[in-house]
Amino acid sequence: MLEYQERYEALVGRFNKAKARFEEATALVSETKARGETVDSFIVELARHDGLLAEFDERLWHTFVGYATVYSENGARFTFKNGT
């Protein structure tokens, strides 16, 4: 009976490791797909414009920028939707 229990626990351990790896891979695939969709949407927005932008485009801004963090009157950080 002890041999059975040891084998069972070893298999459960292997299963849990494999399950964790699977969940990590699934999360990575989802994140990659989301980034791809963001890039695709940005490309579509850019394609709507001919050449260089001459003025601020709010739609393009919202397509590209995720959020801004203002630190002070002279300091701010913009985080793009791709994470940079």
Protein backbone atom coordinates (compact mmCIF):
# COMPACT_ATOMS: atom_id res chain seq x y z
CA MET A 1 0.00 0.00 0.00
CA LEU A 2 2.91 2.36 0.76
CA GLU A 3 4.30 1.83 -2.74
CA TYR A 4 0.94 2.73 -4.26
CA GLN A 5 0.71 5.93 -2.17
CA GLU A 6 4.24 7.00 -3.17
CA ARG A 7 3.50 6.40 -6.84
CA TYR A 8 0.19 8.27 -6.55
CA GLU A 9 1.85 11.28 -4.90
CA ALA A 10 4.57 11.32 -7.56
CA LEU A 11 1.93 11.31 -10.31
CA VAL A 12 -0.05 14.06 -8.58
CA GLY A 13 3.14 16.12 -8.36
CA ARG A 14 3.87 15.64 -12.06
CA PHE A 15 0.28 16.53 -12.90
CA ASN A 16 0.41 19.73 -10.85
CA LYS A 17 3.68 20.80 -12.51
CA ALA A 18 2.27 20.07 -15.97
CA LYS A 19 -0.93 21.93 -15.12
CA ALA A 20 1.04 24.98 -13.95
CA ARG A 21 3.11 24.97 -17.17
CA PHE A 22 -0.07 24.64 -19.23
CA GLU A 23 -1.68 27.58 -17.42
CA GLU A 24 1.45 29.71 -17.96
CA ALA A 25 1.48 28.85 -21.65
CA THR A 26 -2.23 29.59 -21.97
CA ALA A 27 -1.76 32.97 -20.29
CA LEU A 28 1.16 33.76 -22.59
CA VAL A 29 -0.88 32.87 -25.66
CA SER A 30 -3.75 35.09 -24.49
CA GLU A 31 -1.38 37.97 -23.79
CA THR A 32 0.27 37.57 -27.19
CA LYS A 33 -3.12 37.55 -28.94
CA ALA A 34 -4.19 40.68 -27.06
CA ARG A 35 -0.98 42.47 -28.04
CA GLY A 36 -1.48 41.40 -31.65
CA GLU A 37 -5.02 42.79 -31.63
CA THR A 38 -3.74 46.07 -30.19
CA VAL A 39 -1.08 46.33 -32.89
CA ASP A 40 -3.62 45.47 -35.59
CA SER A 41 -6.00 48.15 -34.36
CA PHE A 42 -3.17 50.69 -34.26
CA ILE A 43 -2.16 49.82 -37.83
CA VAL A 44 -5.76 50.25 -38.99
CA GLU A 45 -5.89 53.67 -37.34
CA LEU A 46 -2.59 54.72 -38.91
CA ALA A 47 -3.76 53.53 -42.32
CA ARG A 48 -6.70 55.93 -42.11
CA HIS A 49 -4.25 58.85 -42.30
CA ASP A 50 -2.33 59.88 -45.38
CA GLY A 51 1.29 60.63 -44.59
CA LEU A 52 2.37 62.48 -41.47
CA LEU A 53 -0.11 63.75 -38.94
CA ALA A 54 -0.43 67.53 -39.01
CA GLU A 55 -2.51 67.80 -35.84
CA PHE A 56 -3.46 65.87 -32.72
CA ASP A 57 -5.75 62.91 -33.40
CA GLU A 58 -7.71 61.84 -30.33
CA ARG A 59 -8.78 58.52 -31.83
CA LEU A 60 -5.18 57.60 -32.64
CA TRP A 61 -4.10 58.68 -29.15
CA HIS A 62 -6.67 56.38 -27.52
CA THR A 63 -5.69 53.53 -29.82
CA PHE A 64 -2.02 53.78 -28.91
CA VAL A 65 -1.75 55.07 -25.32
CA GLY A 66 -2.89 52.88 -22.43
CA TYR A 67 -2.52 55.45 -19.64
CA ALA A 68 -0.46 58.39 -18.43
CA THR A 69 1.06 58.87 -14.99
CA VAL A 70 1.73 62.46 -13.96
CA TYR A 71 4.46 62.79 -11.34
CA SER A 72 4.71 66.57 -11.17
CA GLU A 73 4.22 69.67 -13.23
CA ASN A 74 7.36 68.77 -15.18
CA GLY A 75 7.21 64.97 -15.15
CA ALA A 76 4.91 62.45 -16.73
CA ARG A 77 5.13 58.91 -18.07
CA PHE A 78 3.02 57.52 -20.90
CA THR A 79 2.44 53.78 -20.98
CA PHE A 80 1.45 52.42 -24.34
CA LYS A 81 -1.02 49.61 -24.78
CA ASN A 82 1.78 47.23 -25.73
CA GLY A 83 3.26 47.70 -22.26
CA THR A 84 6.16 50.01 -23.14
